[in-house]
């Protein structure tokens, strides 16, 4: 998958330096906890974030190399989000990932659902 493919399909908003730094913090937390699977996951998230940020700044495009696991992880989350939204009578769009894509975290699910509800009310 190319960086542009990931960016077009799975990114809710432009990548920010603060987001990449938040992933670096999560990487540090995993390191301190000696959580090696978490280290691998966060390393991939950092790598993908850095590449997307570079693409935004330069316009260059290339195959995802560092962070391919993160790209696969995010793509795999879409069907679960679609199921969650369908249970609430709504249609999922990646732009609802403003608070993150990890559906295992209730606060992220709640925020996405609230954003979708707010948009529906605003349209009426």
N, C-alpha and C. Protein backbone atom coordinates (compact mmCIF):
# COMPACT_ATOMS: atom_id res chain seq x y z
N UNK A 1 0.85 -1.17 0.00
CA UNK A 1 0.00 0.00 0.00
C UNK A 1 0.90 1.24 0.00
N UNK A 2 0.54 2.20 -0.80
CA UNK A 2 1.28 3.46 -0.85
C UNK A 2 0.80 4.38 0.27
N UNK A 3 1.63 5.32 0.66
CA UNK A 3 1.26 6.28 1.70
C UNK A 3 -0.03 7.00 1.30
N UNK A 4 -0.14 7.40 0.04
CA UNK A 4 -1.33 8.12 -0.42
C UNK A 4 -2.58 7.24 -0.31
N UNK A 5 -2.46 5.94 -0.56
CA UNK A 5 -3.60 5.04 -0.43
C UNK A 5 -4.11 5.01 1.00
N UNK A 6 -3.18 4.87 1.93
CA UNK A 6 -3.55 4.86 3.34
C UNK A 6 -4.18 6.19 3.72
N UNK A 7 -3.54 7.27 3.31
CA UNK A 7 -4.02 8.60 3.65
C UNK A 7 -5.43 8.84 3.12
N UNK A 8 -5.71 8.43 1.90
CA UNK A 8 -7.02 8.65 1.29
C UNK A 8 -8.11 7.78 1.90
N UNK A 9 -7.80 6.54 2.22
CA UNK A 9 -8.81 5.59 2.69
C UNK A 9 -9.06 5.62 4.19
N UNK A 10 -7.99 5.87 4.96
CA UNK A 10 -8.11 5.62 6.40
C UNK A 10 -7.77 6.79 7.30
N UNK A 11 -7.47 7.94 6.75
CA UNK A 11 -7.10 9.05 7.60
C UNK A 11 -8.27 10.02 7.72
N UNK A 12 -8.67 10.30 8.94
CA UNK A 12 -9.83 11.16 9.17
C UNK A 12 -9.50 12.63 8.99
N UNK A 13 -8.26 13.01 9.24
CA UNK A 13 -7.84 14.41 9.17
C UNK A 13 -6.35 14.43 8.84
N UNK A 14 -5.82 15.58 8.49
CA UNK A 14 -4.38 15.64 8.23
C UNK A 14 -3.57 15.18 9.45
N UNK A 15 -2.45 14.52 9.18
CA UNK A 15 -1.55 14.08 10.25
C UNK A 15 -0.91 15.32 10.87
N UNK A 16 -0.77 15.28 12.18
CA UNK A 16 -0.14 16.40 12.88
C UNK A 16 1.10 15.93 13.63
N UNK A 17 1.98 16.86 13.89
CA UNK A 17 3.17 16.54 14.69
C UNK A 17 2.74 16.10 16.08
N UNK A 18 1.71 16.74 16.63
CA UNK A 18 1.27 16.36 17.97
C UNK A 18 0.76 14.92 18.01
N UNK A 19 0.10 14.47 16.94
CA UNK A 19 -0.35 13.08 16.91
C UNK A 19 0.85 12.13 16.90
N UNK A 20 1.83 12.44 16.06
CA UNK A 20 3.02 11.58 15.99
C UNK A 20 3.72 11.56 17.35
N UNK A 21 3.81 12.72 17.99
CA UNK A 21 4.44 12.77 19.32
C UNK A 21 3.64 11.98 20.35
N UNK A 22 2.30 11.96 20.22
CA UNK A 22 1.51 11.16 21.15
C UNK A 22 1.80 9.67 20.97
N UNK A 23 2.07 9.26 19.73
CA UNK A 23 2.45 7.87 19.48
C UNK A 23 3.84 7.58 20.05
N UNK A 24 4.74 8.57 20.00
CA UNK A 24 6.07 8.40 20.59
C UNK A 24 5.93 8.22 22.11
N UNK A 25 5.03 8.98 22.72
CA UNK A 25 4.79 8.84 24.16
C UNK A 25 4.28 7.43 24.47
N UNK A 26 3.33 6.93 23.65
CA UNK A 26 2.82 5.57 23.86
C UNK A 26 3.93 4.54 23.68
N UNK A 27 4.83 4.78 22.73
CA UNK A 27 5.99 3.90 22.55
C UNK A 27 6.85 3.90 23.81
N UNK A 28 7.10 5.08 24.36
CA UNK A 28 7.88 5.18 25.59
C UNK A 28 7.23 4.47 26.75
N UNK A 29 5.91 4.59 26.86
CA UNK A 29 5.18 3.91 27.93
C UNK A 29 5.30 2.40 27.78
N UNK A 30 5.19 1.91 26.56
CA UNK A 30 5.33 0.46 26.33
C UNK A 30 6.74 0.00 26.68
N UNK A 31 7.74 0.82 26.33
CA UNK A 31 9.12 0.47 26.68
C UNK A 31 9.31 0.40 28.18
N UNK A 32 8.80 1.41 28.88
CA UNK A 32 8.95 1.43 30.34
C UNK A 32 8.24 0.25 31.01
N UNK A 33 7.13 -0.18 30.41
CA UNK A 33 6.38 -1.31 30.95
C UNK A 33 6.96 -2.65 30.52
N UNK A 34 8.00 -2.60 29.68
CA UNK A 34 8.60 -3.82 29.11
C UNK A 34 7.55 -4.66 28.38
N UNK A 35 6.62 -3.97 27.74
CA UNK A 35 5.55 -4.60 26.96
C UNK A 35 6.04 -4.68 25.52
N UNK A 36 6.69 -5.79 25.17
CA UNK A 36 7.36 -5.89 23.88
C UNK A 36 6.39 -5.95 22.71
N UNK A 37 5.22 -6.54 22.89
CA UNK A 37 4.24 -6.50 21.79
C UNK A 37 3.72 -5.08 21.62
N UNK A 38 3.55 -4.37 22.72
CA UNK A 38 3.14 -2.96 22.66
C UNK A 38 4.21 -2.10 22.01
N UNK A 39 5.48 -2.41 22.29
CA UNK A 39 6.59 -1.67 21.67
C UNK A 39 6.53 -1.84 20.15
N UNK A 40 6.34 -3.06 19.71
CA UNK A 40 6.27 -3.31 18.25
C UNK A 40 5.10 -2.58 17.63
N UNK A 41 3.95 -2.61 18.29
CA UNK A 41 2.77 -1.95 17.76
C UNK A 41 2.97 -0.43 17.70
N UNK A 42 3.47 0.14 18.77
CA UNK A 42 3.65 1.60 18.82
C UNK A 42 4.77 2.04 17.87
N UNK A 43 5.81 1.24 17.71
CA UNK A 43 6.88 1.55 16.76
C UNK A 43 6.29 1.66 15.35
N UNK A 44 5.41 0.74 15.02
CA UNK A 44 4.76 0.75 13.72
C UNK A 44 3.87 1.99 13.57
N UNK A 45 3.13 2.34 14.63
CA UNK A 45 2.28 3.53 14.59
C UNK A 45 3.11 4.79 14.38
N UNK A 46 4.24 4.89 15.08
CA UNK A 46 5.13 6.04 14.92
C UNK A 46 5.64 6.11 13.48
N UNK A 47 6.08 4.97 12.96
CA UNK A 47 6.62 4.94 11.61
C UNK A 47 5.61 5.38 10.56
N UNK A 48 4.40 4.89 10.68
CA UNK A 48 3.37 5.27 9.71
C UNK A 48 3.05 6.76 9.84
N UNK A 49 2.95 7.24 11.06
CA UNK A 49 2.66 8.66 11.27
C UNK A 49 3.73 9.56 10.69
N UNK A 50 5.00 9.19 10.89
CA UNK A 50 6.10 9.98 10.34
C UNK A 50 6.04 10.01 8.82
N UNK A 51 5.77 8.86 8.20
CA UNK A 51 5.71 8.81 6.74
C UNK A 51 4.56 9.64 6.18
N UNK A 52 3.41 9.59 6.83
CA UNK A 52 2.28 10.39 6.37
C UNK A 52 2.59 11.88 6.52
N UNK A 53 3.21 12.25 7.64
CA UNK A 53 3.58 13.64 7.85
C UNK A 53 4.56 14.10 6.77
N UNK A 54 5.55 13.26 6.45
CA UNK A 54 6.50 13.60 5.38
C UNK A 54 5.79 13.75 4.04
N UNK A 55 4.84 12.89 3.76
CA UNK A 55 4.08 13.00 2.51
C UNK A 55 3.33 14.32 2.44
N UNK A 56 2.70 14.69 3.55
CA UNK A 56 1.97 15.96 3.58
C UNK A 56 2.91 17.15 3.34
N UNK A 57 4.10 17.07 3.91
CA UNK A 57 5.04 18.19 3.80
C UNK A 57 5.74 18.27 2.45
N UNK A 58 5.97 17.11 1.82
CA UNK A 58 6.76 17.09 0.59
C UNK A 58 5.96 16.78 -0.67
N UNK A 59 4.83 16.10 -0.51
CA UNK A 59 4.05 15.66 -1.67
C UNK A 59 4.56 14.37 -2.27
N UNK A 60 5.67 13.86 -1.79
CA UNK A 60 6.22 12.61 -2.31
C UNK A 60 5.34 11.44 -1.87
N UNK A 61 5.37 10.38 -2.64
CA UNK A 61 4.57 9.20 -2.33
C UNK A 61 5.43 7.96 -2.52
N UNK A 62 5.27 6.97 -1.69
CA UNK A 62 6.06 5.75 -1.76
C UNK A 62 5.30 4.62 -1.08
N UNK A 63 5.78 3.41 -1.25
CA UNK A 63 5.21 2.26 -0.56
C UNK A 63 5.49 2.37 0.94
N UNK A 64 4.50 2.03 1.74
CA UNK A 64 4.68 2.02 3.20
C UNK A 64 5.75 0.99 3.52
N UNK A 65 6.78 1.39 4.20
CA UNK A 65 7.83 0.47 4.60
C UNK A 65 7.84 0.32 6.13
N UNK A 66 8.05 1.42 6.81
CA UNK A 66 8.05 1.44 8.26
C UNK A 66 6.62 1.76 8.69
N UNK A 67 5.96 0.83 9.27
CA UNK A 67 4.60 1.06 9.73
C UNK A 67 3.54 0.30 8.96
N UNK A 68 3.97 -0.65 8.12
CA UNK A 68 2.99 -1.43 7.35
C UNK A 68 2.02 -2.16 8.28
N UNK A 69 2.50 -2.61 9.43
CA UNK A 69 1.62 -3.31 10.37
C UNK A 69 0.53 -2.37 10.89
N UNK A 70 0.87 -1.11 11.10
CA UNK A 70 -0.11 -0.13 11.56
C UNK A 70 -1.16 0.11 10.48
N UNK A 71 -0.73 0.22 9.23
CA UNK A 71 -1.68 0.42 8.13
C UNK A 71 -2.65 -0.75 8.04
N UNK A 72 -2.13 -1.96 8.18
CA UNK A 72 -2.97 -3.16 8.15
C UNK A 72 -3.93 -3.16 9.34
N UNK A 73 -3.44 -2.78 10.51
CA UNK A 73 -4.25 -2.74 11.73
C UNK A 73 -5.43 -1.77 11.57
N UNK A 74 -5.14 -0.57 11.07
CA UNK A 74 -6.21 0.42 10.90
C UNK A 74 -7.24 -0.04 9.88
N UNK A 75 -6.79 -0.62 8.79
CA UNK A 75 -7.71 -1.11 7.76
C UNK A 75 -8.59 -2.22 8.33
N UNK A 76 -8.02 -3.07 9.17
CA UNK A 76 -8.78 -4.18 9.75
C UNK A 76 -9.83 -3.70 10.75
N UNK A 77 -9.68 -2.49 11.27
CA UNK A 77 -10.64 -1.97 12.25
C UNK A 77 -11.93 -1.47 11.61
N UNK A 78 -11.88 -1.15 10.35
CA UNK A 78 -13.06 -0.56 9.68
C UNK A 78 -14.30 -1.45 9.80
N UNK A 79 -14.24 -2.75 9.51
CA UNK A 79 -15.46 -3.57 9.62
C UNK A 79 -16.08 -3.57 11.02
N UNK A 80 -15.25 -3.54 12.05
CA UNK A 80 -15.78 -3.51 13.41
C UNK A 80 -16.48 -2.18 13.69
N UNK A 81 -15.89 -1.10 13.22
CA UNK A 81 -16.53 0.20 13.37
C UNK A 81 -17.85 0.24 12.60
N UNK A 82 -17.87 -0.35 11.42
CA UNK A 82 -19.12 -0.40 10.65
C UNK A 82 -20.20 -1.15 11.42
N UNK A 83 -19.82 -2.24 12.07
CA UNK A 83 -20.76 -3.01 12.88
C UNK A 83 -21.28 -2.18 14.06
N UNK A 84 -20.37 -1.50 14.75
CA UNK A 84 -20.76 -0.68 15.91
C UNK A 84 -21.75 0.40 15.48
N UNK A 85 -21.45 1.08 14.39
CA UNK A 85 -22.33 2.15 13.92
C UNK A 85 -23.68 1.59 13.46
N UNK A 86 -23.65 0.45 12.80
CA UNK A 86 -24.90 -0.18 12.34
C UNK A 86 -25.80 -0.51 13.53
N UNK A 87 -25.21 -0.96 14.64
CA UNK A 87 -25.99 -1.24 15.84
C UNK A 87 -26.70 0.00 16.36
N UNK A 88 -26.15 1.18 16.05
CA UNK A 88 -26.74 2.44 16.50
C UNK A 88 -27.53 3.14 15.38
N UNK A 89 -27.75 2.41 14.28
CA UNK A 89 -28.54 2.94 13.19
C UNK A 89 -27.85 4.02 12.37
N UNK A 90 -26.53 3.98 12.35
CA UNK A 90 -25.76 5.00 11.62
C UNK A 90 -24.77 4.33 10.67
N UNK A 91 -24.26 5.12 9.76
CA UNK A 91 -23.26 4.64 8.81
C UNK A 91 -21.90 5.20 9.22
N UNK A 92 -20.91 4.34 9.31
CA UNK A 92 -19.57 4.74 9.72
C UNK A 92 -18.80 5.40 8.58
N UNK A 93 -18.04 6.43 8.92
CA UNK A 93 -17.08 7.06 8.02
C UNK A 93 -15.81 7.31 8.82
N UNK A 94 -14.65 7.16 8.19
CA UNK A 94 -13.39 7.29 8.93
C UNK A 94 -13.20 8.67 9.55
N UNK A 95 -13.91 9.65 9.07
CA UNK A 95 -13.77 10.99 9.66
C UNK A 95 -14.24 11.03 11.11
N UNK A 96 -14.95 9.99 11.55
CA UNK A 96 -15.37 9.91 12.95
C UNK A 96 -14.23 9.43 13.87
N UNK A 97 -13.08 9.10 13.31
CA UNK A 97 -11.93 8.67 14.09
C UNK A 97 -11.14 9.83 14.67
N UNK A 98 -11.75 10.93 14.97
CA UNK A 98 -11.01 12.09 15.47
C UNK A 98 -10.36 11.82 16.81
N UNK A 99 -10.86 10.88 17.55
CA UNK A 99 -10.30 10.55 18.87
C UNK A 99 -9.53 9.23 18.84
N UNK A 100 -9.29 8.68 17.66
CA UNK A 100 -8.58 7.43 17.52
C UNK A 100 -9.45 6.32 16.98
N UNK A 101 -8.81 5.26 16.54
CA UNK A 101 -9.54 4.18 15.86
C UNK A 101 -9.69 2.91 16.69
N UNK A 102 -9.16 2.89 17.90
CA UNK A 102 -9.20 1.67 18.70
C UNK A 102 -10.58 1.49 19.33
N UNK A 103 -11.39 0.64 18.71
CA UNK A 103 -12.75 0.40 19.18
C UNK A 103 -12.79 -0.34 20.51
N UNK A 104 -11.67 -0.86 20.98
CA UNK A 104 -11.64 -1.53 22.28
C UNK A 104 -11.63 -0.52 23.43
N UNK A 105 -11.48 0.76 23.10
CA UNK A 105 -11.48 1.81 24.12
C UNK A 105 -12.84 2.52 24.08
N UNK A 106 -13.67 2.31 25.11
CA UNK A 106 -15.03 2.86 25.11
C UNK A 106 -15.10 4.36 24.88
N UNK A 107 -14.14 5.12 25.40
CA UNK A 107 -14.17 6.57 25.21
C UNK A 107 -14.04 6.94 23.73
N UNK A 108 -13.27 6.19 22.98
CA UNK A 108 -13.10 6.47 21.55
C UNK A 108 -14.38 6.13 20.79
N UNK A 109 -15.03 5.05 21.16
CA UNK A 109 -16.30 4.68 20.53
C UNK A 109 -17.35 5.73 20.85
N UNK A 110 -17.44 6.13 22.10
CA UNK A 110 -18.43 7.12 22.52
C UNK A 110 -18.23 8.43 21.77
N UNK A 111 -16.98 8.87 21.64
CA UNK A 111 -16.71 10.13 20.95
C UNK A 111 -17.11 10.05 19.48
N UNK A 112 -16.80 8.94 18.82
CA UNK A 112 -17.15 8.78 17.41
C UNK A 112 -18.67 8.78 17.22
N UNK A 113 -19.36 8.06 18.09
CA UNK A 113 -20.82 8.02 18.00
C UNK A 113 -21.44 9.39 18.26
N UNK A 114 -20.92 10.10 19.23
CA UNK A 114 -21.44 11.44 19.53
C UNK A 114 -21.22 12.39 18.36
N UNK A 115 -20.06 12.31 17.75
CA UNK A 115 -19.78 13.16 16.59
C UNK A 115 -20.77 12.86 15.46
N UNK A 116 -21.01 11.59 15.21
CA UNK A 116 -21.95 11.20 14.15
C UNK A 116 -23.36 11.69 14.49
N UNK A 117 -23.78 11.53 15.73
CA UNK A 117 -25.11 11.99 16.14
C UNK A 117 -25.23 13.51 15.99
N UNK A 118 -24.19 14.21 16.37
CA UNK A 118 -24.19 15.66 16.27
C UNK A 118 -24.32 16.10 14.81
N UNK A 119 -23.62 15.43 13.92
CA UNK A 119 -23.70 15.77 12.50
C UNK A 119 -25.09 15.50 11.95
N UNK A 120 -25.71 14.38 12.37
CA UNK A 120 -27.05 14.06 11.90
C UNK A 120 -28.03 15.13 12.38
N UNK A 121 -27.93 15.54 13.62
CA UNK A 121 -28.82 16.57 14.16
C UNK A 121 -28.60 17.90 13.45
N UNK A 122 -27.35 18.20 13.14
CA UNK A 122 -27.01 19.45 12.47
C UNK A 122 -27.58 19.49 11.06
N UNK A 123 -27.68 18.32 10.41
CA UNK A 123 -28.22 18.24 9.05
C UNK A 123 -29.73 18.40 9.02
N UNK A 124 -30.37 18.12 10.13
CA UNK A 124 -31.86 18.15 10.15
C UNK A 124 -32.41 19.53 10.28
